[in-house]
């Protein structure tokens, strides 16, 4: 069975939502930031998202801003599906978590059910058209 794979906690990867073109862009290296003037004044057309270090059950990288579905324990041997949970970085705990309830990979989540179903930026762009 497929399961969530921890790729590397030291592998820093980023992507960026272009607020002007409404497109997701891969940030392959530091030159991308310079070429797009991201470093200047923090005033730019991009929302930077960090790779969490995890892949979902289909092998898709999980980033901040992604929307994920997964099964979470709701009682003794009972599971419920949490849908469209946003991946966020929780500064208070220094980790990535899922949704407003801030579920973490340490909670009672079936890791083999975590699936990226979209991201908040593309969803918001679709809803505004």
C-alpha atoms as a PDB file:
ATOM      1  CA  UNK A   1       0.000   0.000   0.000  1.00  0.00           C
ATOM      2  CA  UNK A   2       1.113   3.559  -0.661  1.00  0.00           C
ATOM      3  CA  UNK A   3       2.058   5.761   2.247  1.00  0.00           C
ATOM      4  CA  UNK A   4       3.348   9.236   2.871  1.00  0.00           C
ATOM      5  CA  UNK A   5       7.074   9.340   2.355  1.00  0.00           C
ATOM      6  CA  UNK A   6       9.407  11.669   4.229  1.00  0.00           C
ATOM      7  CA  UNK A   7      11.796  12.747   1.504  1.00  0.00           C
ATOM      8  CA  UNK A   8      14.223  14.863   3.477  1.00  0.00           C
ATOM      9  CA  UNK A   9      13.917  17.484   6.147  1.00  0.00           C
ATOM     10  CA  UNK A  10      17.020  19.174   4.764  1.00  0.00           C
ATOM     11  CA  UNK A  11      15.851  19.329   1.135  1.00  0.00           C
ATOM     12  CA  UNK A  12      14.690  22.903   0.715  1.00  0.00           C
ATOM     13  CA  UNK A  13      12.401  23.356  -2.263  1.00  0.00           C
ATOM     14  CA  UNK A  14      10.031  26.162  -3.059  1.00  0.00           C
ATOM     15  CA  UNK A  15       7.327  27.068  -5.517  1.00  0.00           C
ATOM     16  CA  UNK A  16       5.614  30.400  -6.054  1.00  0.00           C
ATOM     17  CA  UNK A  17       2.083  31.506  -6.879  1.00  0.00           C
ATOM     18  CA  UNK A  18       2.258  34.349  -9.384  1.00  0.00           C
ATOM     19  CA  UNK A  19      -0.507  36.736  -8.302  1.00  0.00           C
ATOM     20  CA  UNK A  20      -0.367  38.563 -11.625  1.00  0.00           C
ATOM     21  CA  UNK A  21      -0.640  35.599 -14.026  1.00  0.00           C
ATOM     22  CA  UNK A  22      -2.511  33.293 -11.584  1.00  0.00           C
ATOM     23  CA  UNK A  23      -0.006  30.506 -12.336  1.00  0.00           C
ATOM     24  CA  UNK A  24       2.123  28.302 -10.081  1.00  0.00           C
ATOM     25  CA  UNK A  25       5.855  28.499 -10.816  1.00  0.00           C
ATOM     26  CA  UNK A  26       8.643  26.161  -9.773  1.00  0.00           C
ATOM     27  CA  UNK A  27      11.607  27.817  -8.041  1.00  0.00           C
ATOM     28  CA  UNK A  28      14.417  25.521  -9.178  1.00  0.00           C
ATOM     29  CA  UNK A  29      17.315  27.518  -7.746  1.00  0.00           C
ATOM     30  CA  UNK A  30      18.273  30.799  -6.116  1.00  0.00           C
ATOM     31  CA  UNK A  31      18.610  32.461  -9.519  1.00  0.00           C
ATOM     32  CA  UNK A  32      14.831  32.201  -9.940  1.00  0.00           C
ATOM     33  CA  UNK A  33      14.372  34.590  -6.995  1.00  0.00           C
ATOM     34  CA  UNK A  34      16.876  37.056  -8.444  1.00  0.00           C
ATOM     35  CA  UNK A  35      15.458  36.857 -11.972  1.00  0.00           C
ATOM     36  CA  UNK A  36      11.972  37.611 -10.646  1.00  0.00           C
ATOM     37  CA  UNK A  37      13.114  40.379  -8.257  1.00  0.00           C
ATOM     38  CA  UNK A  38      11.634  38.532  -5.295  1.00  0.00           C
ATOM     39  CA  UNK A  39      14.426  39.667  -2.977  1.00  0.00           C
ATOM     40  CA  UNK A  40      13.844  43.391  -3.461  1.00  0.00           C
ATOM     41  CA  UNK A  41      11.726  45.100  -0.795  1.00  0.00           C
ATOM     42  CA  UNK A  42       9.471  42.067  -0.390  1.00  0.00           C
ATOM     43  CA  UNK A  43       7.101  43.853  -2.781  1.00  0.00           C
ATOM     44  CA  UNK A  44       6.515  41.477  -5.657  1.00  0.00           C
ATOM     45  CA  UNK A  45       3.976  39.385  -7.535  1.00  0.00           C
ATOM     46  CA  UNK A  46       4.758  36.073  -5.832  1.00  0.00           C
ATOM     47  CA  UNK A  47       3.574  34.098  -2.807  1.00  0.00           C
ATOM     48  CA  UNK A  48       6.401  31.719  -1.893  1.00  0.00           C
ATOM     49  CA  UNK A  49       5.519  28.263  -0.538  1.00  0.00           C
ATOM     50  CA  UNK A  50       7.931  25.806   1.044  1.00  0.00           C
ATOM     51  CA  UNK A  51       8.095  22.046   0.458  1.00  0.00           C
ATOM     52  CA  UNK A  52       7.143  20.207   3.677  1.00  0.00           C
ATOM     53  CA  UNK A  53       9.578  17.329   3.134  1.00  0.00           C
ATOM     54  CA  UNK A  54       6.667  14.903   2.566  1.00  0.00           C
ATOM     55  CA  UNK A  55       5.073  13.284  -0.458  1.00  0.00           C
ATOM     56  CA  UNK A  56       1.443  12.167  -0.507  1.00  0.00           C
ATOM     57  CA  UNK A  57       0.106   8.663  -1.194  1.00  0.00           C
ATOM     58  CA  UNK A  58       0.574   9.247  -4.953  1.00  0.00           C
ATOM     59  CA  UNK A  59       4.160  10.500  -4.656  1.00  0.00           C
ATOM     60  CA  UNK A  60       3.194  14.184  -5.084  1.00  0.00           C
ATOM     61  CA  UNK A  61       5.294  16.722  -3.150  1.00  0.00           C
ATOM     62  CA  UNK A  62       3.319  18.428  -0.372  1.00  0.00           C
ATOM     63  CA  UNK A  63       3.805  22.222  -0.108  1.00  0.00           C
ATOM     64  CA  UNK A  64       2.462  25.011   2.071  1.00  0.00           C
ATOM     65  CA  UNK A  65      -0.860  26.127   0.626  1.00  0.00           C
ATOM     66  CA  UNK A  66      -1.763  22.681  -0.695  1.00  0.00           C
ATOM     67  CA  UNK A  67      -5.198  21.268   0.059  1.00  0.00           C
ATOM     68  CA  UNK A  68      -5.134  17.682   1.300  1.00  0.00           C
ATOM     69  CA  UNK A  69      -7.656  14.994   2.133  1.00  0.00           C
ATOM     70  CA  UNK A  70      -6.853  12.340   4.759  1.00  0.00           C
ATOM     71  CA  UNK A  71      -8.441  10.031   7.290  1.00  0.00           C
ATOM     72  CA  UNK A  72      -8.188  11.001  10.947  1.00  0.00           C
ATOM     73  CA  UNK A  73      -9.184   8.989  14.018  1.00  0.00           C
ATOM     74  CA  UNK A  74     -12.540  10.163  15.371  1.00  0.00           C
ATOM     75  CA  UNK A  75     -13.016   7.550  18.066  1.00  0.00           C
ATOM     76  CA  UNK A  76     -11.875   4.079  19.041  1.00  0.00           C
ATOM     77  CA  UNK A  77     -11.045   2.414  15.710  1.00  0.00           C
ATOM     78  CA  UNK A  78     -13.290   4.934  13.947  1.00  0.00           C
ATOM     79  CA  UNK A  79     -12.058   7.117  11.101  1.00  0.00           C
ATOM     80  CA  UNK A  80     -13.503  10.122   9.352  1.00  0.00           C
ATOM     81  CA  UNK A  81     -12.292  11.860   6.218  1.00  0.00           C
ATOM     82  CA  UNK A  82     -11.011  15.400   6.560  1.00  0.00           C
ATOM     83  CA  UNK A  83     -11.345  17.171   3.196  1.00  0.00           C
ATOM     84  CA  UNK A  84      -9.638  20.202   1.675  1.00  0.00           C
ATOM     85  CA  UNK A  85      -7.403  20.830   4.670  1.00  0.00           C
ATOM     86  CA  UNK A  86      -4.862  23.590   3.964  1.00  0.00           C
ATOM     87  CA  UNK A  87      -1.213  22.808   4.670  1.00  0.00           C
ATOM     88  CA  UNK A  88       0.105  25.622   6.853  1.00  0.00           C
ATOM     89  CA  UNK A  89       3.292  26.348   8.754  1.00  0.00           C
ATOM     90  CA  UNK A  90       2.493  26.681  12.453  1.00  0.00           C
ATOM     91  CA  UNK A  91       5.126  28.989  13.943  1.00  0.00           C
ATOM     92  CA  UNK A  92       4.121  28.231  17.547  1.00  0.00           C
ATOM     93  CA  UNK A  93       5.106  24.584  17.038  1.00  0.00           C
ATOM     94  CA  UNK A  94       7.747  25.033  14.327  1.00  0.00           C
ATOM     95  CA  UNK A  95       6.115  22.521  11.977  1.00  0.00           C
ATOM     96  CA  UNK A  96       3.702  22.094   9.102  1.00  0.00           C
ATOM     97  CA  UNK A  97       0.140  21.157   9.976  1.00  0.00           C
ATOM     98  CA  UNK A  98      -3.185  20.577   8.259  1.00  0.00           C
ATOM     99  CA  UNK A  99      -6.274  22.773   8.471  1.00  0.00           C
ATOM    100  CA  UNK A 100      -7.787  25.027  11.089  1.00  0.00           C
ATOM    101  CA  UNK A 101      -7.532  22.202  13.646  1.00  0.00           C
ATOM    102  CA  UNK A 102      -3.771  22.119  12.995  1.00  0.00           C
ATOM    103  CA  UNK A 103      -3.503  18.355  12.687  1.00  0.00           C
ATOM    104  CA  UNK A 104       0.110  17.262  12.445  1.00  0.00           C
ATOM    105  CA  UNK A 105       1.812  14.159  11.103  1.00  0.00           C
ATOM    106  CA  UNK A 106       2.099  13.123  14.788  1.00  0.00           C
ATOM    107  CA  UNK A 107      -1.679  13.102  15.263  1.00  0.00           C
ATOM    108  CA  UNK A 108      -3.918  10.106  14.619  1.00  0.00           C
ATOM    109  CA  UNK A 109      -3.858  10.469  10.855  1.00  0.00           C
ATOM    110  CA  UNK A 110      -3.662   7.514   8.478  1.00  0.00           C
ATOM    111  CA  UNK A 111      -0.555   8.615   6.582  1.00  0.00           C
ATOM    112  CA  UNK A 112      -1.310   6.319   3.642  1.00  0.00           C
ATOM    113  CA  UNK A 113      -4.511   8.318   2.990  1.00  0.00           C
ATOM    114  CA  UNK A 114      -2.989  11.814   2.678  1.00  0.00           C
ATOM    115  CA  UNK A 115      -3.657  13.061  -0.839  1.00  0.00           C
ATOM    116  CA  UNK A 116      -3.009  16.473  -2.401  1.00  0.00           C
ATOM    117  CA  UNK A 117      -6.271  17.600  -4.049  1.00  0.00           C
ATOM    118  CA  UNK A 118      -5.281  21.133  -5.039  1.00  0.00           C
ATOM    119  CA  UNK A 119      -4.008  24.339  -3.502  1.00  0.00           C
ATOM    120  CA  UNK A 120      -5.640  27.415  -2.039  1.00  0.00           C
ATOM    121  CA  UNK A 121      -4.324  29.820  -4.660  1.00  0.00           C
ATOM    122  CA  UNK A 122      -5.636  27.952  -7.707  1.00  0.00           C
ATOM    123  CA  UNK A 123      -8.949  27.325  -5.900  1.00  0.00           C
ATOM    124  CA  UNK A 124      -9.326  31.025  -5.053  1.00  0.00           C
ATOM    125  CA  UNK A 125      -8.424  32.010  -8.648  1.00  0.00           C
ATOM    126  CA  UNK A 126     -11.075  29.605 -10.003  1.00  0.00           C
ATOM    127  CA  UNK A 127     -13.712  30.918  -7.584  1.00  0.00           C
ATOM    128  CA  UNK A 128     -13.058  34.538  -8.571  1.00  0.00           C
ATOM    129  CA  UNK A 129     -13.624  33.906 -12.312  1.00  0.00           C
END
